[in-house]
Amino acid sequence: MSFVFVAWLYVHDEPAGDDEDLVKTGPVDQVLSVPSIGRMEQLLGALKPAESAALAIGPPWVWDTPTLSRFLTANDHSMDNLKDLLEDEDWHGRHSAWFHDDLGSHPNWTIVPLLKQAEAAYLLRRGEEEAAFAAAIDLAEMAARLQELESWPSFYLRSLDVHTRCVQLMAHLLSRTKLSGPALGASQEMFAACLFSGKQLKEQLLPAFYLYEKKLLLGDKSGAPLDTMPKGVQYARPGRLFFKNNETLDLFATTFRILRTEVGQVLTGLGNRVDLRGSARSVASAGYYQPNGAGEAYYLQHIDPYLDIPAQYLMARTRHLLVLQLFAIRRFIAEQKRLPLTLKELSPKYLPDLPTDPFSGDLFQYDIARGLLYSFGSNFANDGGRPSTVPLADDQEPTVEIGLPSAAPVRQ
């Protein structure tokens, strides 16, 4: 009897759990074609990398003008493709055609934000500052649009990469701008509209990521439409010893519920941070010769990239809010011809509400003497700000330089 019981433990799988709270059904997009997919494929396929020597120097705004010109000329056609893609009003992100290929994993995505940074740097040297800001706004809109694509988790990762390059470029432009208050206000409004949404992440993207993993495990038994299977694969993982599909899926469900709870929480110290990797290991015994040992190992491998989502979201939001406040400060300088004595002078004219630092729960740190605005960052400590050639590059102390008022008149 003992042998029979042990054998039963190894072959028995639990019934499918209730995951209705994680699986969100939305309207099916049934348009006949999605031109945005073709435009994205053309863009990614045609991009030419920057010179390795230029990349070693630093961001595009420190390249010399001939290097900028060569990079932009080599990608002249890609610039047109990118413009066409951004001008598509609706990418039809819920359409089944997006599931056919994982375009978010294309290696040329790293070139897209670099191209816009180079364009902005080149325009700035030609004195076309408003056009340079428009290039930075294009990056903000691209990041927001990529976050709306729920078909592949890779699109969310690309949105984070593009957003990081965007805020770094925008902080660089703002620290030396000569634009008028109204001109800056117009860009500020467009930039504010691209702030990553915690609600969207919790209610749309995390459920989409869970469903993606469910489809990988169960195939057509996942309950998802057949034409939304990743790359068209409709079959469940074959049953085998030490791997139980339903129990493995339940591990994913447990962790995605934890992630949903953690997203957007204001962190004020080391004590209230959840060790997500420790939690993942605790829900899986991770012993290969356990009844679901192979399933637990599969879960730990696949869940790992998702565990960074709450921290990634928090850092992206922090950077965005810092740049948004920098917009307000530069508008104040343009109109008042001085630095604000405190951040409270910015509200309500330049900002309806003053944003708070997600890592402290208080206002961002403002050092008027050094011209710095910064966050406590991921180490939850006030280290005085850390300015650098690439703004916001240090997660432990995300910092932007304000740029002191120039003696030159502000252009109206």
Protein backbone atom coordinates (compact mmCIF):
# COMPACT_ATOMS: atom_id res chain seq x y z
CA MET A 1 0.00 0.00 0.00
CA SER A 2 2.82 2.40 0.82
CA PHE A 3 4.32 1.88 -2.63
CA VAL A 4 0.97 2.52 -4.28
CA PHE A 5 0.49 5.71 -2.27
CA VAL A 6 3.95 7.01 -3.14
CA ALA A 7 3.39 6.18 -6.80
CA TRP A 8 0.06 8.01 -6.68
CA LEU A 9 1.80 11.10 -5.27
CA TYR A 10 4.12 11.18 -8.27
CA VAL A 11 1.49 10.73 -10.96
CA HIS A 12 -1.49 12.58 -9.48
CA ASP A 13 -2.00 16.21 -10.47
CA GLU A 14 -4.32 18.52 -8.58
CA PRO A 15 -7.47 19.75 -10.36
CA ALA A 16 -7.09 23.07 -12.13
CA GLY A 17 -7.25 25.93 -9.65
CA ASP A 18 -9.53 28.96 -9.79
CA ASP A 19 -7.68 31.77 -11.55
CA GLU A 20 -10.57 33.94 -12.70
CA ASP A 21 -9.06 36.89 -10.81
CA LEU A 22 -5.94 36.62 -12.98
CA VAL A 23 -7.44 35.90 -16.40
CA LYS A 24 -9.00 39.02 -17.86
CA THR A 25 -11.17 38.69 -20.92
CA GLY A 26 -11.35 41.72 -23.18
CA PRO A 27 -12.91 42.58 -26.50
CA VAL A 28 -11.47 40.73 -29.48
CA ASP A 29 -10.01 43.03 -32.15
CA GLN A 30 -11.27 41.76 -35.49
CA VAL A 31 -9.92 44.33 -37.94
CA LEU A 32 -8.82 42.72 -41.20
CA SER A 33 -5.21 43.85 -40.99
CA VAL A 34 -2.80 45.56 -38.58
CA PRO A 35 -0.40 47.81 -40.55
CA SER A 36 1.55 48.64 -37.37
CA ILE A 37 2.99 45.13 -37.27
CA GLY A 38 4.46 45.45 -40.76
CA ARG A 39 5.82 48.90 -39.97
CA MET A 40 7.45 47.61 -36.78
CA GLU A 41 9.02 44.72 -38.69
CA GLN A 42 10.35 47.10 -41.36
CA LEU A 43 11.73 49.44 -38.72
CA LEU A 44 13.53 46.74 -36.75
CA GLY A 45 14.87 45.03 -39.86
CA ALA A 46 16.35 48.18 -41.39
CA LEU A 47 18.09 49.74 -38.36
CA LYS A 48 21.85 50.20 -38.55
CA PRO A 49 23.93 50.16 -35.35
CA ALA A 50 26.04 53.07 -34.18
CA GLU A 51 29.82 52.98 -34.45
CA SER A 52 31.34 51.04 -31.57
CA ALA A 53 33.78 53.88 -30.92
CA ALA A 54 30.87 56.28 -30.46
CA LEU A 55 29.10 53.95 -28.05
CA ALA A 56 32.27 53.73 -25.97
CA ILE A 57 32.35 57.53 -25.59
CA GLY A 58 28.93 57.82 -24.00
CA PRO A 59 25.40 58.97 -24.91
CA PRO A 60 24.79 60.64 -28.29
CA TRP A 61 24.87 64.17 -26.85
CA VAL A 62 28.62 63.79 -26.20
CA TRP A 63 29.38 62.50 -29.72
CA ASP A 64 30.94 64.87 -32.22
CA THR A 65 28.70 66.23 -34.94
CA PRO A 66 30.16 64.16 -37.82
CA THR A 67 29.51 60.95 -35.84
CA LEU A 68 25.93 62.02 -35.17
CA SER A 69 25.47 62.86 -38.84
CA ARG A 70 26.81 59.50 -40.05
CA PHE A 71 24.55 57.55 -37.67
CA LEU A 72 21.47 59.52 -38.67
CA THR A 73 22.25 59.31 -42.39
CA ALA A 74 22.71 55.53 -42.17
CA ASN A 75 19.27 55.29 -40.56
CA ASP A 76 17.47 57.85 -42.70
CA HIS A 77 14.95 55.29 -43.97
CA SER A 78 14.46 53.92 -40.45
CA MET A 79 13.61 57.41 -39.21
CA ASP A 80 10.78 57.51 -41.73
CA ASN A 81 9.61 54.04 -40.63
CA LEU A 82 9.62 55.13 -37.00
CA LYS A 83 7.66 58.26 -37.85
CA ASP A 84 5.05 56.19 -39.70
CA LEU A 85 4.75 53.76 -36.78
CA LEU A 86 4.24 56.52 -34.22
CA GLU A 87 1.66 58.21 -36.44
CA ASP A 88 -0.53 55.08 -36.41
CA GLU A 89 -3.36 56.13 -34.12
CA ASP A 90 -4.22 52.57 -33.12
CA TRP A 91 -1.77 49.68 -33.06
CA HIS A 92 -4.65 47.24 -32.37
CA GLY A 93 -2.64 45.68 -29.55
CA ARG A 94 -5.30 43.05 -28.79
CA HIS A 95 -5.32 41.67 -32.33
CA SER A 96 -4.27 38.04 -32.69
CA ALA A 97 -1.67 38.96 -35.34
CA TRP A 98 0.63 40.28 -32.60
CA PHE A 99 0.97 36.73 -31.20
CA HIS A 100 2.54 35.27 -34.35
CA ASP A 101 6.08 36.54 -33.73
CA ASP A 102 7.83 37.87 -30.65
CA LEU A 103 8.82 41.23 -32.10
CA GLY A 104 9.62 42.54 -28.63
CA SER A 105 12.68 40.26 -28.53
CA HIS A 106 14.23 41.66 -31.73
CA PRO A 107 17.85 42.64 -30.95
CA ASN A 108 17.59 45.95 -32.82
CA TRP A 109 15.29 47.47 -30.21
CA THR A 110 18.36 48.90 -28.47
CA ILE A 111 18.98 51.09 -31.54
CA VAL A 112 15.53 52.74 -31.52
CA PRO A 113 16.01 55.01 -28.46
CA LEU A 114 19.63 55.65 -29.44
CA LEU A 115 18.40 56.95 -32.79
CA LYS A 116 16.01 59.40 -31.16
CA GLN A 117 18.67 60.54 -28.71
CA ALA A 118 21.02 61.19 -31.62
CA GLU A 119 18.31 63.06 -33.50
CA ALA A 120 17.64 65.29 -30.49
CA ALA A 121 21.35 65.98 -29.97
CA TYR A 122 21.80 66.88 -33.64
CA LEU A 123 18.76 69.17 -33.66
CA LEU A 124 19.94 70.90 -30.50
CA ARG A 125 23.28 71.74 -32.11
CA ARG A 126 21.42 73.26 -35.04
CA GLY A 127 19.48 75.47 -32.65
CA GLU A 128 16.20 73.59 -33.20
CA GLU A 129 15.42 73.08 -29.53
CA GLU A 130 11.67 72.58 -29.82
CA ALA A 131 12.26 69.85 -32.41
CA ALA A 132 14.76 68.22 -30.04
CA PHE A 133 12.09 68.13 -27.33
CA ALA A 134 9.66 66.65 -29.85
CA ALA A 135 12.13 63.80 -30.48
CA ALA A 136 12.27 63.11 -26.74
CA ILE A 137 8.46 63.13 -26.55
CA ASP A 138 8.44 60.57 -29.37
CA LEU A 139 10.39 58.25 -27.08
CA ALA A 140 7.92 58.81 -24.23
CA GLU A 141 5.03 57.97 -26.54
CA MET A 142 6.83 54.91 -27.89
CA ALA A 143 7.38 53.61 -24.35
CA ALA A 144 3.70 54.12 -23.51
CA ARG A 145 2.54 52.45 -26.72
CA LEU A 146 4.78 49.43 -26.18
CA GLN A 147 3.31 48.97 -22.73
CA GLU A 148 -0.12 48.56 -24.31
CA LEU A 149 1.00 45.46 -26.23
CA GLU A 150 -0.01 42.51 -24.05
CA SER A 151 0.85 39.67 -26.44
CA TRP A 152 4.46 39.13 -25.33
CA PRO A 153 6.18 40.03 -22.02
CA SER A 154 9.16 41.23 -24.05
CA PHE A 155 7.23 44.33 -25.15
CA TYR A 156 7.00 45.47 -21.53
CA LEU A 157 10.76 45.08 -21.11
CA ARG A 158 11.31 47.11 -24.29
CA SER A 159 8.98 49.80 -22.96
CA LEU A 160 11.13 50.10 -19.83
CA ASP A 161 14.32 50.38 -21.90
CA VAL A 162 12.83 53.06 -24.15
CA HIS A 163 11.42 54.95 -21.17
CA THR A 164 14.80 54.99 -19.41
CA ARG A 165 16.48 56.47 -22.50
CA CYS A 166 13.64 58.96 -22.80
CA VAL A 167 13.88 60.37 -19.28
CA GLN A 168 17.66 60.56 -19.51
CA LEU A 169 17.42 62.53 -22.74
CA MET A 170 14.67 64.77 -21.42
CA ALA A 171 16.62 65.56 -18.24
CA HIS A 172 19.65 66.45 -20.36
CA LEU A 173 17.60 68.79 -22.57
CA LEU A 174 15.87 70.45 -19.63
CA SER A 175 19.08 71.16 -17.74
CA ARG A 176 20.25 73.51 -20.51
CA THR A 177 17.01 74.68 -22.12
CA LYS A 178 16.37 78.25 -23.27
CA LEU A 179 12.75 77.64 -24.23
CA SER A 180 9.97 79.85 -22.94
CA GLY A 181 7.61 78.83 -20.16
CA PRO A 182 4.66 78.19 -22.52
CA ALA A 183 6.80 76.09 -24.89
CA LEU A 184 8.05 74.00 -21.98
CA GLY A 185 4.50 73.73 -20.65
CA ALA A 186 3.30 72.16 -23.89
CA SER A 187 6.03 69.50 -23.74
CA GLN A 188 5.39 68.96 -20.03
CA GLU A 189 1.73 68.20 -20.70
CA MET A 190 2.58 65.59 -23.35
CA PHE A 191 5.27 64.05 -21.17
CA ALA A 192 2.95 63.83 -18.15
CA ALA A 193 0.40 61.90 -20.23
CA CYS A 194 2.99 59.15 -20.80
CA LEU A 195 3.47 58.31 -17.10
CA PHE A 196 3.41 54.54 -16.61
CA SER A 197 0.15 53.42 -15.03
CA GLY A 198 0.22 51.12 -12.01
CA LYS A 199 -3.43 50.35 -12.62
CA GLN A 200 -2.71 49.22 -16.16
CA LEU A 201 0.16 47.07 -14.95
CA LYS A 202 -1.95 45.37 -12.29
CA GLU A 203 -5.20 45.01 -14.20
CA GLN A 204 -3.96 44.36 -17.74
CA LEU A 205 -0.28 43.45 -18.04
CA LEU A 206 0.22 41.11 -15.09
CA PRO A 207 -2.88 39.09 -16.05
CA ALA A 208 -1.58 39.01 -19.64
CA PHE A 209 1.80 37.73 -18.45
CA TYR A 210 0.09 35.05 -16.35
CA LEU A 211 -2.02 34.00 -19.32
CA TYR A 212 1.12 33.83 -21.46
CA GLU A 213 2.68 31.37 -19.00
CA LYS A 214 -0.59 29.45 -18.80
CA LYS A 215 -0.63 29.06 -22.57
CA LEU A 216 2.96 27.80 -22.57
CA LEU A 217 1.96 25.16 -20.03
CA LEU A 218 -1.50 24.11 -21.20
CA GLY A 219 -1.71 25.13 -24.86
CA ASP A 220 -5.26 24.88 -26.17
CA LYS A 221 -6.40 23.65 -22.74
CA SER A 222 -5.62 27.10 -21.32
CA GLY A 223 -8.98 28.37 -22.54
CA ALA A 224 -7.39 31.16 -24.57
CA PRO A 225 -8.38 31.64 -28.24
CA LEU A 226 -6.33 29.37 -30.47
CA ASP A 227 -5.14 32.22 -32.67
CA THR A 228 -3.50 33.88 -29.64
CA MET A 229 -1.16 30.99 -28.85
CA PRO A 230 2.49 32.15 -28.75
CA LYS A 231 3.86 31.56 -32.26
CA GLY A 232 0.82 29.41 -32.96
CA VAL A 233 1.88 26.55 -30.65
CA GLN A 234 -1.38 24.98 -29.43
CA TYR A 235 -0.18 21.94 -27.53
CA ALA A 236 0.24 21.50 -23.80
CA ARG A 237 3.55 20.35 -22.38
CA PRO A 238 3.61 16.54 -22.54
CA GLY A 239 2.95 14.80 -19.25
CA ARG A 240 6.02 13.30 -17.62
CA LEU A 241 7.33 12.26 -14.26
CA PHE A 242 8.11 15.02 -11.77
CA PHE A 243 6.11 17.60 -13.78
CA LYS A 244 2.47 18.38 -12.95
CA ASN A 245 0.95 21.07 -15.14
CA ASN A 246 -1.86 22.18 -12.83
CA GLU A 247 0.31 22.30 -9.72
CA THR A 248 2.98 24.20 -11.64
CA LEU A 249 0.42 26.68 -12.94
CA ASP A 250 -0.81 27.21 -9.39
CA LEU A 251 2.72 28.28 -8.41
CA PHE A 252 2.56 30.97 -11.11
CA ALA A 253 -0.88 32.08 -9.93
CA THR A 254 0.30 32.47 -6.33
CA THR A 255 3.29 34.58 -7.33
CA PHE A 256 1.38 36.78 -9.79
CA ARG A 257 -1.09 37.60 -7.01
CA ILE A 258 1.85 38.66 -4.83
CA LEU A 259 3.24 40.79 -7.67
CA ARG A 260 -0.13 42.46 -8.16
CA THR A 261 -0.15 43.42 -4.48
CA GLU A 262 3.40 44.77 -4.56
CA VAL A 263 3.13 46.97 -7.67
CA GLY A 264 2.88 50.65 -6.83
CA GLN A 265 3.47 50.40 -3.10
CA VAL A 266 5.33 53.37 -1.67
CA LEU A 267 8.50 52.08 -0.05
CA THR A 268 9.84 53.91 2.98
CA GLY A 269 12.59 51.60 4.18
CA LEU A 270 14.15 48.19 4.10
CA GLY A 271 11.65 46.71 6.52
CA ASN A 272 8.59 46.65 4.28
CA ARG A 273 10.12 45.25 1.10
CA VAL A 274 8.96 41.79 0.15
CA ASP A 275 11.72 39.38 -0.84
CA LEU A 276 10.00 38.23 -4.02
CA ARG A 277 12.67 35.70 -4.92
CA GLY A 278 12.51 34.27 -1.42
CA SER A 279 8.73 34.08 -1.73
CA ALA A 280 9.05 32.29 -5.07
CA ARG A 281 11.43 29.74 -3.60
CA SER A 282 9.15 29.20 -0.62
CA VAL A 283 6.14 28.29 -2.78
CA ALA A 284 8.30 25.78 -4.66
CA SER A 285 10.29 23.20 -2.75
CA ALA A 286 12.66 23.08 -5.75
CA GLY A 287 13.77 19.52 -5.04
CA TYR A 288 13.98 17.81 -8.42
CA TYR A 289 12.95 14.42 -7.07
CA GLN A 290 9.89 15.81 -5.34
CA PRO A 291 6.59 14.75 -6.97
CA ASN A 292 6.56 18.04 -8.93
CA GLY A 293 10.29 18.71 -8.83
CA ALA A 294 10.69 19.37 -12.55
CA GLY A 295 7.60 21.59 -12.53
CA GLU A 296 8.99 23.61 -9.64
CA ALA A 297 12.32 24.03 -11.43
CA TYR A 298 10.45 25.16 -14.57
CA TYR A 299 8.46 27.64 -12.51
CA LEU A 300 11.53 29.13 -10.84
CA GLN A 301 13.23 29.59 -14.21
CA HIS A 302 10.22 31.21 -15.89
CA ILE A 303 9.04 33.36 -12.98
CA ASP A 304 12.40 34.99 -12.32
CA PRO A 305 12.16 37.88 -14.86
CA TYR A 306 8.72 38.85 -13.54
CA LEU A 307 9.97 39.24 -9.96
CA ASP A 308 11.70 42.52 -10.87
CA ILE A 309 8.47 44.13 -12.11
CA PRO A 310 7.49 46.00 -8.89
CA ALA A 311 11.00 47.45 -8.50
CA GLN A 312 11.22 48.29 -12.22
CA TYR A 313 7.88 50.05 -12.12
CA LEU A 314 8.84 52.00 -9.02
CA MET A 315 12.11 53.17 -10.57
CA ALA A 316 10.45 54.11 -13.87
CA ARG A 317 7.82 56.11 -11.98
CA THR A 318 10.50 57.81 -9.87
CA ARG A 319 12.47 58.88 -12.93
CA HIS A 320 9.35 60.12 -14.69
CA LEU A 321 8.24 62.19 -11.68
CA LEU A 322 11.70 63.70 -11.27
CA VAL A 323 11.70 64.84 -14.90
CA LEU A 324 8.13 66.10 -14.58
CA GLN A 325 9.19 68.22 -11.60
CA LEU A 326 12.26 69.38 -13.52
CA PHE A 327 9.91 70.62 -16.25
CA ALA A 328 8.10 72.69 -13.63
CA ILE A 329 11.34 74.10 -12.23
CA ARG A 330 12.58 75.13 -15.67
CA ARG A 331 9.26 76.79 -16.45
CA PHE A 332 9.53 78.66 -13.15
CA ILE A 333 13.06 79.79 -14.07
CA ALA A 334 11.96 80.87 -17.56
CA GLU A 335 9.17 83.04 -16.19
CA GLN A 336 10.51 84.20 -12.81
CA LYS A 337 14.19 84.50 -13.84
CA ARG A 338 15.30 82.77 -10.65
CA LEU A 339 15.36 79.39 -8.97
CA PRO A 340 12.42 78.49 -6.72
CA LEU A 341 13.46 78.76 -3.09
CA THR A 342 11.48 75.62 -2.25
CA LEU A 343 9.58 73.08 -4.30
CA LYS A 344 6.32 74.37 -2.84
CA GLU A 345 6.67 77.47 -5.03
CA LEU A 346 5.92 75.26 -8.05
CA SER A 347 2.36 74.43 -7.03
CA PRO A 348 -0.24 74.97 -8.31
CA LYS A 349 0.88 77.11 -11.29
CA TYR A 350 3.60 74.81 -12.64
CA LEU A 351 2.41 71.53 -11.13
CA PRO A 352 -1.13 70.89 -9.84
CA ASP A 353 0.28 68.67 -7.09
CA LEU A 354 3.85 68.15 -5.98
CA PRO A 355 4.92 64.55 -6.61
CA THR A 356 6.38 62.55 -3.76
CA ASP A 357 9.41 60.30 -3.81
CA PRO A 358 8.24 56.65 -3.97
CA PHE A 359 11.32 55.70 -1.96
CA SER A 360 10.70 58.09 0.93
CA GLY A 361 7.03 59.01 0.82
CA ASP A 362 8.07 62.67 1.10
CA LEU A 363 8.91 65.38 -1.43
CA PHE A 364 11.94 64.85 -3.64
CA GLN A 365 15.23 66.27 -2.35
CA TYR A 366 16.01 69.74 -3.70
CA ASP A 367 19.53 71.15 -3.29
CA ILE A 368 19.29 74.76 -4.47
CA ALA A 369 22.98 75.46 -3.83
CA ARG A 370 24.17 72.63 -6.09
CA GLY A 371 21.23 72.80 -8.48
CA LEU A 372 20.15 69.19 -7.95
CA LEU A 373 16.84 67.35 -7.67
CA TYR A 374 17.02 63.74 -6.56
CA SER A 375 15.36 60.72 -4.98
CA PHE A 376 16.42 58.61 -2.01
CA GLY A 377 16.65 55.77 -4.50
CA SER A 378 16.84 52.05 -4.00
CA ASN A 379 19.15 52.25 -0.98
CA PHE A 380 16.57 54.40 0.88
CA ALA A 381 19.23 56.93 1.92
CA ASN A 382 19.90 60.60 1.32
CA ASP A 383 23.40 60.61 -0.14
CA GLY A 384 23.22 64.18 -1.40
CA GLY A 385 22.50 63.43 -5.05
CA ARG A 386 24.83 61.99 -7.68
CA PRO A 387 24.96 64.03 -10.92
CA SER A 388 26.49 62.31 -13.94
CA THR A 389 26.91 62.67 -17.70
CA VAL A 390 23.89 60.40 -18.13
CA PRO A 391 21.14 61.72 -15.84
CA LEU A 392 19.22 59.27 -13.64
CA ALA A 393 21.82 56.56 -14.23
CA ASP A 394 22.23 55.61 -10.57
CA ASP A 395 19.27 53.67 -9.16
CA GLN A 396 20.57 54.22 -5.63
CA GLU A 397 20.31 58.00 -6.03
CA PRO A 398 18.39 59.02 -9.19
CA THR A 399 19.49 62.61 -9.83
CA VAL A 400 18.81 65.38 -12.33
CA GLU A 401 20.72 68.63 -12.69
CA ILE A 402 18.46 71.68 -12.74
CA GLY A 403 20.79 73.96 -14.66
CA LEU A 404 21.26 77.34 -13.05
CA PRO A 405 19.57 80.39 -14.63
CA SER A 406 21.61 81.74 -17.52
CA ALA A 407 22.55 85.38 -17.92
CA ALA A 408 21.32 85.09 -21.49
CA PRO A 409 17.71 86.17 -22.04
CA VAL A 410 15.12 83.41 -22.14
CA ARG A 411 13.74 83.02 -25.67
CA GLN A 412 10.03 83.86 -25.91
